[in-house]
Amino acid sequence: MTTHYMDEAEYCDRIAIIDRGKIVALGTPEELKQMVGGDVVTITSTQPDDAAREIHKLLGVTPTRDNGSLRMEVPDGKAFVPRLVRDSVRALTGDPGTRYLFISTLSVLATFTIPHQTEATARVSFEGIDTETITNETYGPLKAACEDVVEREIPGRHVILRPGFIVGPWDHTGRFNYWLRRFSEGGTMLVPGTEDSPVQVIDARDLGAFAIHALEARKEGLYHTIGPKDPTTWGDVFEETRRLTGVTTSVEYVAEEFLSSRGVTLPMRSHAVDGLERTSAVKAMAEGLTFRPLADTIRETLEWDRAHGRRDVGLTPERERELLAEWERARRAA
């Protein structure tokens, strides 16, 4: 497989990196990551100077300023982050009026296949995690370890929010943006799964509003923060995009097995996590979580994406045409 996308290369047994026709690096994904020499942790704070001093005092690391954020190069980022959470929590325990809010993830759930999971659902085990690399496999356990730190260090005075896919303007990942932009370009569009495949997202602005509300209202405990309010499918997302843009795009739904056999992964789409895309947010909604209309998020994301969006996520037009042609040949031969 030849690719420019790291999320595709992640699943290869061996990777060769070529520069100007010469192989400059060769090895397994794990070996190549080790060659980089460490991890970069970035923290955004409203008081970066104070935060930098505390980090240096508590952890012996000297952050550098990077466009308003604090940047730290550490040899073991996956262990550094739980330590940072632990020490930041401990720094607050002297003030009994302080509340601690931690943004976690639905990836801490033990299984992704069961729908309607609540905050009482079992969390993934994080015991025995000894890798230095944050991957699809270690991300959830490491976040679970951070949740455990918060719960043990500051009981009764913490809020943990578990979003899934966070979307909207200023989304630097480009994941949701890719699907909206691609649909708005017209033609025939390749999409894994079916039009009934579920999807859950939350606009970053709605997540931020609930975070502030949770602190001001002195909420405590776990909250699944995911929307929209009503069950939504990818077909619903594309229909809303069609209504907003006036573009009629032909959507070709392709079997995920067809794509995976060709080493193709696309953002936000995997049948293996369809249960996670039906997670219950009943508790959070009952306690103040609200959602702006999905149409507003789509329209404003497209407006932002035109000037600022990434173009290195998803399929190139050439690759999409190749796959659509292969899919058509496969269907005729079946």
C-alpha atoms as a PDB file:
ATOM      1  CA  MET A   1       0.000   0.000   0.000  1.00  0.00           C
ATOM      2  CA  THR A   2       1.181   3.524  -0.807  1.00  0.00           C
ATOM      3  CA  THR A   3      -0.242   6.316   1.347  1.00  0.00           C
ATOM      4  CA  HIS A   4       0.357   9.831   2.610  1.00  0.00           C
ATOM      5  CA  TYR A   5      -1.924   9.278   5.605  1.00  0.00           C
ATOM      6  CA  MET A   6      -0.480   8.228   8.949  1.00  0.00           C
ATOM      7  CA  ASP A   7      -3.788   6.757  10.132  1.00  0.00           C
ATOM      8  CA  GLU A   8      -3.578   4.276   7.236  1.00  0.00           C
ATOM      9  CA  ALA A   9       0.118   3.514   7.764  1.00  0.00           C
ATOM     10  CA  GLU A  10      -0.585   2.784  11.451  1.00  0.00           C
ATOM     11  CA  TYR A  11      -2.061  -0.605  10.493  1.00  0.00           C
ATOM     12  CA  CYS A  12       0.865  -1.784   8.331  1.00  0.00           C
ATOM     13  CA  ASP A  13       3.338  -4.444   9.493  1.00  0.00           C
ATOM     14  CA  ARG A  14       6.321  -2.545   8.073  1.00  0.00           C
ATOM     15  CA  ILE A  15       6.646   0.990   6.752  1.00  0.00           C
ATOM     16  CA  ALA A  16       9.193   2.517   4.391  1.00  0.00           C
ATOM     17  CA  ILE A  17       9.436   6.323   4.362  1.00  0.00           C
ATOM     18  CA  ILE A  18      10.734   7.606   1.034  1.00  0.00           C
ATOM     19  CA  ASP A  19      12.229  11.038   0.387  1.00  0.00           C
ATOM     20  CA  ARG A  20      13.254  11.997  -3.159  1.00  0.00           C
ATOM     21  CA  GLY A  21      13.281   8.391  -4.271  1.00  0.00           C
ATOM     22  CA  LYS A  22      15.386   7.087  -1.369  1.00  0.00           C
ATOM     23  CA  ILE A  23      14.252   5.081   1.650  1.00  0.00           C
ATOM     24  CA  VAL A  24      15.147   7.203   4.686  1.00  0.00           C
ATOM     25  CA  ALA A  25      13.460   5.084   7.359  1.00  0.00           C
ATOM     26  CA  LEU A  26      12.257   1.481   7.513  1.00  0.00           C
ATOM     27  CA  GLY A  27      10.624  -0.503  10.298  1.00  0.00           C
ATOM     28  CA  THR A  28       7.423  -1.362  12.120  1.00  0.00           C
ATOM     29  CA  PRO A  29       5.142   1.506  13.223  1.00  0.00           C
ATOM     30  CA  GLU A  30       6.370   1.027  16.799  1.00  0.00           C
ATOM     31  CA  GLU A  31      10.045   1.107  15.766  1.00  0.00           C
ATOM     32  CA  LEU A  32       9.627   4.261  13.699  1.00  0.00           C
ATOM     33  CA  LYS A  33       7.808   6.048  16.516  1.00  0.00           C
ATOM     34  CA  GLN A  34      10.615   5.182  18.899  1.00  0.00           C
ATOM     35  CA  MET A  35      13.058   6.860  16.503  1.00  0.00           C
ATOM     36  CA  VAL A  36      11.308  10.191  17.019  1.00  0.00           C
ATOM     37  CA  GLY A  37      12.677  10.287  20.553  1.00  0.00           C
ATOM     38  CA  GLY A  38       9.668  11.210  22.661  1.00  0.00           C
ATOM     39  CA  ASP A  39       6.253  12.829  22.821  1.00  0.00           C
ATOM     40  CA  VAL A  40       5.029  16.408  22.719  1.00  0.00           C
ATOM     41  CA  VAL A  41       2.426  17.507  25.272  1.00  0.00           C
ATOM     42  CA  THR A  42       0.642  20.810  24.677  1.00  0.00           C
ATOM     43  CA  ILE A  43      -1.399  22.614  27.322  1.00  0.00           C
ATOM     44  CA  THR A  44      -3.551  25.698  26.874  1.00  0.00           C
ATOM     45  CA  SER A  45      -4.033  27.913  29.936  1.00  0.00           C
ATOM     46  CA  THR A  46      -5.474  31.346  30.619  1.00  0.00           C
ATOM     47  CA  GLN A  47      -2.467  31.870  32.922  1.00  0.00           C
ATOM     48  CA  PRO A  48       0.400  30.266  31.000  1.00  0.00           C
ATOM     49  CA  ASP A  49       3.196  31.829  33.047  1.00  0.00           C
ATOM     50  CA  ASP A  50       1.734  30.604  36.335  1.00  0.00           C
ATOM     51  CA  ALA A  51       1.030  27.194  34.816  1.00  0.00           C
ATOM     52  CA  ALA A  52       4.606  26.917  33.506  1.00  0.00           C
ATOM     53  CA  ARG A  53       6.023  27.675  36.950  1.00  0.00           C
ATOM     54  CA  GLU A  54       3.797  25.068  38.622  1.00  0.00           C
ATOM     55  CA  ILE A  55       4.642  22.423  36.025  1.00  0.00           C
ATOM     56  CA  HIS A  56       8.338  23.053  36.530  1.00  0.00           C
ATOM     57  CA  LYS A  57       7.965  22.952  40.311  1.00  0.00           C
ATOM     58  CA  LEU A  58       5.841  19.815  40.397  1.00  0.00           C
ATOM     59  CA  LEU A  59       7.287  17.787  37.530  1.00  0.00           C
ATOM     60  CA  GLY A  60      10.704  19.231  36.824  1.00  0.00           C
ATOM     61  CA  VAL A  61       9.783  20.014  33.213  1.00  0.00           C
ATOM     62  CA  THR A  62      10.328  23.463  31.683  1.00  0.00           C
ATOM     63  CA  PRO A  63       7.605  24.218  29.112  1.00  0.00           C
ATOM     64  CA  THR A  64       8.178  26.566  26.189  1.00  0.00           C
ATOM     65  CA  ARG A  65       5.616  29.047  24.864  1.00  0.00           C
ATOM     66  CA  ASP A  66       4.075  28.133  21.517  1.00  0.00           C
ATOM     67  CA  ASN A  67       1.406  30.487  20.135  1.00  0.00           C
ATOM     68  CA  GLY A  68      -0.169  31.026  23.538  1.00  0.00           C
ATOM     69  CA  SER A  69       0.140  27.389  24.616  1.00  0.00           C
ATOM     70  CA  LEU A  70       2.730  25.538  26.661  1.00  0.00           C
ATOM     71  CA  ARG A  71       4.762  22.930  24.801  1.00  0.00           C
ATOM     72  CA  MET A  72       6.664  20.153  26.545  1.00  0.00           C
ATOM     73  CA  GLU A  73       8.834  17.458  25.003  1.00  0.00           C
ATOM     74  CA  VAL A  74       8.863  14.427  27.286  1.00  0.00           C
ATOM     75  CA  PRO A  75      10.143  10.876  26.775  1.00  0.00           C
ATOM     76  CA  ASP A  76       6.933   9.199  27.950  1.00  0.00           C
ATOM     77  CA  GLY A  77       3.856  11.267  27.170  1.00  0.00           C
ATOM     78  CA  LYS A  78       1.359   8.566  28.092  1.00  0.00           C
ATOM     79  CA  ALA A  79       2.697   8.445  31.658  1.00  0.00           C
ATOM     80  CA  PHE A  80       3.351  12.176  31.856  1.00  0.00           C
ATOM     81  CA  VAL A  81      -0.285  13.092  31.221  1.00  0.00           C
ATOM     82  CA  PRO A  82      -1.727  11.020  34.128  1.00  0.00           C
ATOM     83  CA  ARG A  83       1.027  12.439  36.372  1.00  0.00           C
ATOM     84  CA  LEU A  84       0.124  15.939  35.236  1.00  0.00           C
ATOM     85  CA  VAL A  85      -3.533  15.286  36.020  1.00  0.00           C
ATOM     86  CA  ARG A  86      -2.620  13.850  39.426  1.00  0.00           C
ATOM     87  CA  ASP A  87      -0.381  16.748  40.406  1.00  0.00           C
ATOM     88  CA  SER A  88      -2.757  19.412  39.106  1.00  0.00           C
ATOM     89  CA  VAL A  89      -5.538  17.834  41.186  1.00  0.00           C
ATOM     90  CA  ARG A  90      -3.339  17.750  44.266  1.00  0.00           C
ATOM     91  CA  ALA A  91      -2.465  21.408  43.778  1.00  0.00           C
ATOM     92  CA  LEU A  92      -6.181  22.209  44.212  1.00  0.00           C
ATOM     93  CA  THR A  93      -6.980  20.113  47.268  1.00  0.00           C
ATOM     94  CA  GLY A  94      -6.003  22.870  49.712  1.00  0.00           C
ATOM     95  CA  ASP A  95      -9.025  24.958  48.736  1.00  0.00           C
ATOM     96  CA  PRO A  96     -12.254  23.121  49.662  1.00  0.00           C
ATOM     97  CA  GLY A  97     -14.267  25.379  47.362  1.00  0.00           C
ATOM     98  CA  THR A  98     -12.359  24.410  44.229  1.00  0.00           C
ATOM     99  CA  ARG A  99     -13.997  22.209  41.603  1.00  0.00           C
ATOM    100  CA  TYR A 100     -11.993  20.148  39.098  1.00  0.00           C
ATOM    101  CA  LEU A 101     -13.330  19.426  35.598  1.00  0.00           C
ATOM    102  CA  PHE A 102     -11.687  16.810  33.393  1.00  0.00           C
ATOM    103  CA  ILE A 103     -12.512  16.295  29.722  1.00  0.00           C
ATOM    104  CA  SER A 104     -12.300  12.552  29.103  1.00  0.00           C
ATOM    105  CA  THR A 105     -13.705  10.497  26.218  1.00  0.00           C
ATOM    106  CA  LEU A 106     -16.238   7.786  25.435  1.00  0.00           C
ATOM    107  CA  SER A 107     -13.227   5.669  24.457  1.00  0.00           C
ATOM    108  CA  VAL A 108     -12.861   4.762  28.155  1.00  0.00           C
ATOM    109  CA  LEU A 109     -15.853   2.402  27.842  1.00  0.00           C
ATOM    110  CA  ALA A 110     -14.929  -1.277  27.942  1.00  0.00           C
ATOM    111  CA  THR A 111     -16.825  -2.142  24.748  1.00  0.00           C
ATOM    112  CA  PHE A 112     -17.831  -0.131  21.682  1.00  0.00           C
ATOM    113  CA  THR A 113     -20.434  -2.561  20.318  1.00  0.00           C
ATOM    114  CA  ILE A 114     -23.224  -2.188  22.891  1.00  0.00           C
ATOM    115  CA  PRO A 115     -25.700   0.679  22.316  1.00  0.00           C
ATOM    116  CA  HIS A 116     -27.259   2.932  24.961  1.00  0.00           C
ATOM    117  CA  GLN A 117     -24.394   2.666  27.445  1.00  0.00           C
ATOM    118  CA  THR A 118     -24.705   4.928  30.478  1.00  0.00           C
ATOM    119  CA  GLU A 119     -22.226   6.387  32.936  1.00  0.00           C
ATOM    120  CA  ALA A 120     -22.633   3.204  35.019  1.00  0.00           C
ATOM    121  CA  THR A 121     -21.177   1.028  32.245  1.00  0.00           C
ATOM    122  CA  ALA A 122     -17.863  -0.686  32.961  1.00  0.00           C
ATOM    123  CA  ARG A 123     -14.697   1.233  32.158  1.00  0.00           C
ATOM    124  CA  VAL A 124     -11.841  -0.313  30.170  1.00  0.00           C
ATOM    125  CA  SER A 125      -8.979  -1.743  32.232  1.00  0.00           C
ATOM    126  CA  PHE A 126      -5.828   0.352  32.366  1.00  0.00           C
ATOM    127  CA  GLU A 127      -3.751  -2.017  34.467  1.00  0.00           C
ATOM    128  CA  GLY A 128      -0.516  -3.191  32.927  1.00  0.00           C
ATOM    129  CA  ILE A 129      -0.261  -0.503  30.262  1.00  0.00           C
ATOM    130  CA  ASP A 130       3.469  -0.329  29.639  1.00  0.00           C
ATOM    131  CA  THR A 131       3.775   1.052  26.111  1.00  0.00           C
ATOM    132  CA  GLU A 132       5.203   4.507  25.528  1.00  0.00           C
ATOM    133  CA  THR A 133       3.079   5.086  22.449  1.00  0.00           C
ATOM    134  CA  ILE A 134      -0.428   6.527  22.335  1.00  0.00           C
ATOM    135  CA  THR A 135      -2.346   4.485  19.769  1.00  0.00           C
ATOM    136  CA  ASN A 136      -5.950   3.549  19.046  1.00  0.00           C
ATOM    137  CA  GLU A 137      -5.464   0.707  21.525  1.00  0.00           C
ATOM    138  CA  THR A 138      -3.905   2.704  24.389  1.00  0.00           C
ATOM    139  CA  TYR A 139      -5.827   5.981  24.110  1.00  0.00           C
ATOM    140  CA  GLY A 140      -8.905   4.743  25.991  1.00  0.00           C
ATOM    141  CA  PRO A 141      -7.000   3.009  28.820  1.00  0.00           C
ATOM    142  CA  LEU A 142      -4.810   6.077  29.357  1.00  0.00           C
ATOM    143  CA  LYS A 143      -7.833   8.353  29.577  1.00  0.00           C
ATOM    144  CA  ALA A 144      -9.402   5.848  31.989  1.00  0.00           C
ATOM    145  CA  ALA A 145      -6.249   6.091  34.110  1.00  0.00           C
ATOM    146  CA  CYS A 146      -6.675   9.873  34.207  1.00  0.00           C
ATOM    147  CA  GLU A 147     -10.320   9.489  35.280  1.00  0.00           C
ATOM    148  CA  ASP A 148      -9.221   7.178  38.068  1.00  0.00           C
ATOM    149  CA  VAL A 149      -6.701   9.757  39.283  1.00  0.00           C
ATOM    150  CA  VAL A 150      -9.346  12.489  39.409  1.00  0.00           C
ATOM    151  CA  GLU A 151     -11.842  10.282  41.252  1.00  0.00           C
ATOM    152  CA  ARG A 152      -9.323   9.150  43.862  1.00  0.00           C
ATOM    153  CA  GLU A 153      -7.556  12.468  44.436  1.00  0.00           C
ATOM    154  CA  ILE A 154     -10.532  14.820  44.710  1.00  0.00           C
ATOM    155  CA  PRO A 155     -13.687  12.826  45.545  1.00  0.00           C
ATOM    156  CA  GLY A 156     -16.921  14.763  45.606  1.00  0.00           C
ATOM    157  CA  ARG A 157     -15.426  17.858  43.964  1.00  0.00           C
ATOM    158  CA  HIS A 158     -14.887  16.788  40.375  1.00  0.00           C
ATOM    159  CA  VAL A 159     -16.773  16.607  37.105  1.00  0.00           C
ATOM    160  CA  ILE A 160     -15.723  14.280  34.304  1.00  0.00           C
ATOM    161  CA  LEU A 161     -17.179  14.857  30.849  1.00  0.00           C
ATOM    162  CA  ARG A 162     -17.056  12.133  28.217  1.00  0.00           C
ATOM    163  CA  PRO A 163     -17.621  13.466  24.707  1.00  0.00           C
ATOM    164  CA  GLY A 164     -17.286  11.443  21.534  1.00  0.00           C
ATOM    165  CA  PHE A 165     -16.529  13.250  18.276  1.00  0.00           C
ATOM    166  CA  ILE A 166     -16.215  16.987  18.945  1.00  0.00           C
ATOM    167  CA  VAL A 167     -17.096  19.023  15.839  1.00  0.00           C
ATOM    168  CA  GLY A 168     -17.828  22.529  14.655  1.00  0.00           C
ATOM    169  CA  PRO A 169     -15.833  25.543  13.472  1.00  0.00           C
ATOM    170  CA  TRP A 170     -12.156  25.464  14.497  1.00  0.00           C
ATOM    171  CA  ASP A 171     -12.103  21.657  14.388  1.00  0.00           C
ATOM    172  CA  HIS A 172      -8.427  21.038  13.651  1.00  0.00           C
ATOM    173  CA  THR A 173      -8.885  17.290  13.087  1.00  0.00           C
ATOM    174  CA  GLY A 174     -10.776  17.806   9.823  1.00  0.00           C
ATOM    175  CA  ARG A 175     -12.762  14.600  10.328  1.00  0.00           C
ATOM    176  CA  PHE A 176     -16.385  15.769  10.250  1.00  0.00           C
ATOM    177  CA  ASN A 177     -15.362  18.650   7.979  1.00  0.00           C
ATOM    178  CA  TYR A 178     -14.190  16.177   5.338  1.00  0.00           C
ATOM    179  CA  TRP A 179     -17.610  14.587   4.953  1.00  0.00           C
ATOM    180  CA  LEU A 180     -19.455  17.912   4.809  1.00  0.00           C
ATOM    181  CA  ARG A 181     -17.006  19.436   2.323  1.00  0.00           C
ATOM    182  CA  ARG A 182     -16.929  16.331   0.143  1.00  0.00           C
ATOM    183  CA  PHE A 183     -20.716  16.206  -0.047  1.00  0.00           C
ATOM    184  CA  SER A 184     -20.883  19.888  -0.958  1.00  0.00           C
ATOM    185  CA  GLU A 185     -18.537  19.280  -3.915  1.00  0.00           C
ATOM    186  CA  GLY A 186     -21.073  17.118  -5.773  1.00  0.00           C
ATOM    187  CA  GLY A 187     -20.496  14.136  -8.015  1.00  0.00           C
ATOM    188  CA  THR A 188     -20.448  10.589  -6.668  1.00  0.00           C
ATOM    189  CA  MET A 189     -19.191  10.255  -3.113  1.00  0.00           C
ATOM    190  CA  LEU A 190     -17.860   7.083  -1.491  1.00  0.00           C
ATOM    191  CA  VAL A 191     -19.055   6.411   2.068  1.00  0.00           C
ATOM    192  CA  PRO A 192     -18.475   3.284   4.201  1.00  0.00           C
ATOM    193  CA  GLY A 193     -21.491   1.509   5.688  1.00  0.00           C
ATOM    194  CA  THR A 194     -25.106   2.405   4.956  1.00  0.00           C
ATOM    195  CA  GLU A 195     -27.281   5.493   5.142  1.00  0.00           C
ATOM    196  CA  ASP A 196     -28.679   4.109   8.414  1.00  0.00           C
ATOM    197  CA  SER A 197     -25.250   3.947  10.088  1.00  0.00           C
ATOM    198  CA  PRO A 198     -25.535   5.920  13.347  1.00  0.00           C
ATOM    199  CA  VAL A 199     -23.462   9.000  14.164  1.00  0.00           C
ATOM    200  CA  GLN A 200     -23.128  11.052  17.337  1.00  0.00           C
ATOM    201  CA  VAL A 201     -21.281  14.352  17.604  1.00  0.00           C
ATOM    202  CA  ILE A 202     -21.240  17.392  19.842  1.00  0.00           C
ATOM    203  CA  ASP A 203     -20.526  20.933  18.783  1.00  0.00           C
ATOM    204  CA  ALA A 204     -17.511  22.182  20.751  1.00  0.00           C
ATOM    205  CA  ARG A 205     -19.482  25.278  21.745  1.00  0.00           C
ATOM    206  CA  ASP A 206     -22.239  23.152  23.296  1.00  0.00           C
ATOM    207  CA  LEU A 207     -19.642  21.087  25.154  1.00  0.00           C
ATOM    208  CA  GLY A 208     -18.000  24.254  26.459  1.00  0.00           C
ATOM    209  CA  ALA A 209     -21.324  25.692  27.589  1.00  0.00           C
ATOM    210  CA  PHE A 210     -22.156  22.544  29.557  1.00  0.00           C
ATOM    211  CA  ALA A 211     -18.677  22.488  31.116  1.00  0.00           C
ATOM    212  CA  ILE A 212     -19.205  26.014  32.464  1.00  0.00           C
ATOM    213  CA  HIS A 213     -22.712  25.124  33.626  1.00  0.00           C
ATOM    214  CA  ALA A 214     -21.440  22.000  35.416  1.00  0.00           C
ATOM    215  CA  LEU A 215     -18.866  24.021  37.340  1.00  0.00           C
ATOM    216  CA  GLU A 216     -21.183  26.881  38.203  1.00  0.00           C
ATOM    217  CA  ALA A 217     -23.953  24.500  39.304  1.00  0.00           C
ATOM    218  CA  ARG A 218     -21.411  22.454  41.305  1.00  0.00           C
ATOM    219  CA  LYS A 219     -22.204  19.215  39.498  1.00  0.00           C
ATOM    220  CA  GLU A 220     -20.298  16.089  40.469  1.00  0.00           C
ATOM    221  CA  GLY A 221     -19.444  12.815  38.768  1.00  0.00           C
ATOM    222  CA  LEU A 222     -19.526  11.426  35.237  1.00  0.00           C
ATOM    223  CA  TYR A 223     -21.484  12.785  32.274  1.00  0.00           C
ATOM    224  CA  HIS A 224     -21.715  11.434  28.756  1.00  0.00           C
ATOM    225  CA  THR A 225     -21.734  14.604  26.655  1.00  0.00           C
ATOM    226  CA  ILE A 226     -22.757  13.592  23.154  1.00  0.00           C
ATOM    227  CA  GLY A 227     -25.517  14.523  20.732  1.00  0.00           C
ATOM    228  CA  PRO A 228     -27.581  15.318  18.807  1.00  0.00           C
ATOM    229  CA  LYS A 229     -30.625  15.074  21.047  1.00  0.00           C
ATOM    230  CA  ASP A 230     -32.423  12.691  18.696  1.00  0.00           C
ATOM    231  CA  PRO A 231     -30.941   9.576  17.044  1.00  0.00           C
ATOM    232  CA  THR A 232     -29.096  10.606  13.892  1.00  0.00           C
ATOM    233  CA  THR A 233     -27.671   8.689  10.935  1.00  0.00           C
ATOM    234  CA  TRP A 234     -25.116   9.567   8.284  1.00  0.00           C
ATOM    235  CA  GLY A 235     -28.003   9.699   5.850  1.00  0.00           C
ATOM    236  CA  ASP A 236     -29.547  12.451   8.001  1.00  0.00           C
ATOM    237  CA  VAL A 237     -26.262  14.393   7.999  1.00  0.00           C
ATOM    238  CA  PHE A 238     -25.949  14.243   4.218  1.00  0.00           C
ATOM    239  CA  GLU A 239     -29.599  15.158   3.677  1.00  0.00           C
ATOM    240  CA  GLU A 240     -29.194  18.212   5.913  1.00  0.00           C
ATOM    241  CA  THR A 241     -26.026  19.161   4.029  1.00  0.00           C
ATOM    242  CA  ARG A 242     -27.910  18.834   0.728  1.00  0.00           C
ATOM    243  CA  ARG A 243     -30.681  21.090   2.038  1.00  0.00           C
ATOM    244  CA  LEU A 244     -28.211  23.737   3.199  1.00  0.00           C
ATOM    245  CA  THR A 245     -25.934  23.749   0.156  1.00  0.00           C
ATOM    246  CA  GLY A 246     -28.415  22.967  -2.605  1.00  0.00           C
ATOM    247  CA  VAL A 247     -25.934  20.404  -3.966  1.00  0.00           C
ATOM    248  CA  THR A 248     -27.306  17.014  -5.000  1.00  0.00           C
ATOM    249  CA  THR A 249     -24.539  14.487  -4.470  1.00  0.00           C
ATOM    250  CA  SER A 250     -24.877  10.809  -5.266  1.00  0.00           C
ATOM    251  CA  VAL A 251     -23.760   8.820  -2.229  1.00  0.00           C
ATOM    252  CA  GLU A 252     -22.336   5.370  -2.939  1.00  0.00           C
ATOM    253  CA  TYR A 253     -22.364   3.324   0.250  1.00  0.00           C
ATOM    254  CA  VAL A 254     -19.548   0.779   0.195  1.00  0.00           C
ATOM    255  CA  ALA A 255     -19.013  -2.297   2.369  1.00  0.00           C
ATOM    256  CA  GLU A 256     -16.414  -1.636   5.059  1.00  0.00           C
ATOM    257  CA  GLU A 257     -14.847  -5.034   4.367  1.00  0.00           C
ATOM    258  CA  PHE A 258     -14.150  -3.915   0.787  1.00  0.00           C
ATOM    259  CA  LEU A 259     -12.256  -0.864   2.048  1.00  0.00           C
ATOM    260  CA  SER A 260     -10.397  -2.597   4.879  1.00  0.00           C
ATOM    261  CA  SER A 261      -9.153  -5.286   2.472  1.00  0.00           C
ATOM    262  CA  ARG A 262      -7.490  -2.452   0.546  1.00  0.00           C
ATOM    263  CA  GLY A 263      -5.996  -0.809   3.613  1.00  0.00           C
ATOM    264  CA  VAL A 264      -8.416   2.129   3.514  1.00  0.00           C
ATOM    265  CA  THR A 265      -9.762   3.748   6.679  1.00  0.00           C
ATOM    266  CA  LEU A 266     -11.928   6.848   6.665  1.00  0.00           C
ATOM    267  CA  PRO A 267     -12.622   9.312   9.495  1.00  0.00           C
ATOM    268  CA  MET A 268     -15.422   8.621  11.951  1.00  0.00           C
ATOM    269  CA  ARG A 269     -16.570   5.462  10.188  1.00  0.00           C
ATOM    270  CA  SER A 270     -16.289   1.936  11.507  1.00  0.00           C
ATOM    271  CA  HIS A 271     -19.063  -0.589  12.007  1.00  0.00           C
ATOM    272  CA  ALA A 272     -17.091  -1.861  15.021  1.00  0.00           C
ATOM    273  CA  VAL A 273     -18.014   1.263  16.990  1.00  0.00           C
ATOM    274  CA  ASP A 274     -21.666   1.584  15.944  1.00  0.00           C
ATOM    275  CA  GLY A 275     -22.692   0.835  19.539  1.00  0.00           C
ATOM    276  CA  LEU A 276     -20.624   3.784  20.738  1.00  0.00           C
ATOM    277  CA  GLU A 277     -22.512   5.975  18.256  1.00  0.00           C
ATOM    278  CA  ARG A 278     -25.704   5.227  20.219  1.00  0.00           C
ATOM    279  CA  THR A 279     -24.411   6.159  23.662  1.00  0.00           C
ATOM    280  CA  SER A 280     -26.887   7.511  26.206  1.00  0.00           C
ATOM    281  CA  ALA A 281     -26.581  11.159  27.209  1.00  0.00           C
ATOM    282  CA  VAL A 282     -29.869  11.152  29.151  1.00  0.00           C
ATOM    283  CA  LYS A 283     -28.193  12.105  32.438  1.00  0.00           C
ATOM    284  CA  ALA A 284     -26.372  15.117  31.024  1.00  0.00           C
ATOM    285  CA  MET A 285     -29.430  16.326  29.111  1.00  0.00           C
ATOM    286  CA  ALA A 286     -31.529  16.078  32.268  1.00  0.00           C
ATOM    287  CA  GLU A 287     -28.988  18.276  34.057  1.00  0.00           C
ATOM    288  CA  GLY A 288     -28.570  21.032  31.501  1.00  0.00           C
ATOM    289  CA  LEU A 289     -26.815  19.766  28.357  1.00  0.00           C
ATOM    290  CA  THR A 290     -28.405  21.351  25.296  1.00  0.00           C
ATOM    291  CA  PHE A 291     -27.609  21.218  21.590  1.00  0.00           C
ATOM    292  CA  ARG A 292     -27.799  23.806  18.849  1.00  0.00           C
ATOM    293  CA  PRO A 293     -29.520  22.562  15.659  1.00  0.00           C
ATOM    294  CA  LEU A 294     -27.328  20.224  13.619  1.00  0.00           C
ATOM    295  CA  ALA A 295     -27.995  22.487  10.628  1.00  0.00           C
ATOM    296  CA  ASP A 296     -26.245  25.371  12.402  1.00  0.00           C
ATOM    297  CA  THR A 297     -23.174  23.244  13.108  1.00  0.00           C
ATOM    298  CA  ILE A 298     -23.029  22.018   9.506  1.00  0.00           C
ATOM    299  CA  ARG A 299     -23.450  25.480   7.976  1.00  0.00           C
ATOM    300  CA  GLU A 300     -20.940  27.197  10.255  1.00  0.00           C
ATOM    301  CA  THR A 301     -18.418  24.356   9.938  1.00  0.00           C
ATOM    302  CA  LEU A 302     -18.557  24.588   6.139  1.00  0.00           C
ATOM    303  CA  GLU A 303     -18.091  28.370   6.287  1.00  0.00           C
ATOM    304  CA  TRP A 304     -15.033  28.009   8.527  1.00  0.00           C
ATOM    305  CA  ASP A 305     -13.651  25.098   6.529  1.00  0.00           C
ATOM    306  CA  ARG A 306     -13.541  27.060   3.281  1.00  0.00           C
ATOM    307  CA  ALA A 307     -10.808  29.299   4.619  1.00  0.00           C
ATOM    308  CA  HIS A 308      -9.187  27.265   7.375  1.00  0.00           C
ATOM    309  CA  GLY A 309      -9.980  23.573   6.945  1.00  0.00           C
ATOM    310  CA  ARG A 310      -7.470  20.789   6.448  1.00  0.00           C
ATOM    311  CA  ARG A 311      -7.176  19.107   3.064  1.00  0.00           C
ATOM    312  CA  ASP A 312      -5.120  16.101   4.150  1.00  0.00           C
ATOM    313  CA  VAL A 313      -7.983  14.100   5.696  1.00  0.00           C
ATOM    314  CA  GLY A 314     -10.030  11.548   3.780  1.00  0.00           C
ATOM    315  CA  LEU A 315      -9.672  10.448   0.173  1.00  0.00           C
ATOM    316  CA  THR A 316      -8.116  12.404  -2.643  1.00  0.00           C
ATOM    317  CA  PRO A 317     -10.438  12.770  -5.678  1.00  0.00           C
ATOM    318  CA  GLU A 318      -8.194  10.377  -7.627  1.00  0.00           C
ATOM    319  CA  ARG A 319      -8.235   7.701  -4.937  1.00  0.00           C
ATOM    320  CA  GLU A 320     -11.987   8.019  -4.499  1.00  0.00           C
ATOM    321  CA  ARG A 321     -12.526   7.470  -8.241  1.00  0.00           C
ATOM    322  CA  GLU A 322     -10.226   4.433  -8.177  1.00  0.00           C
ATOM    323  CA  LEU A 323     -12.114   2.866  -5.289  1.00  0.00           C
ATOM    324  CA  LEU A 324     -15.518   3.580  -6.803  1.00  0.00           C
ATOM    325  CA  ALA A 325     -14.431   1.894 -10.036  1.00  0.00           C
ATOM    326  CA  GLU A 326     -13.096  -1.127  -8.119  1.00  0.00           C
ATOM    327  CA  TRP A 327     -16.315  -1.324  -6.124  1.00  0.00           C
ATOM    328  CA  GLU A 328     -18.398  -1.308  -9.302  1.00  0.00           C
ATOM    329  CA  ARG A 329     -16.293  -4.083 -10.815  1.00  0.00           C
ATOM    330  CA  ALA A 330     -16.574  -6.119  -7.604  1.00  0.00           C
ATOM    331  CA  ARG A 331     -20.354  -5.769  -7.585  1.00  0.00           C
ATOM    332  CA  ARG A 332     -20.648  -6.844 -11.221  1.00  0.00           C
ATOM    333  CA  ALA A 333     -18.490  -9.868 -10.568  1.00  0.00           C
ATOM    334  CA  ALA A 334     -20.497 -10.942  -7.509  1.00  0.00           C
END
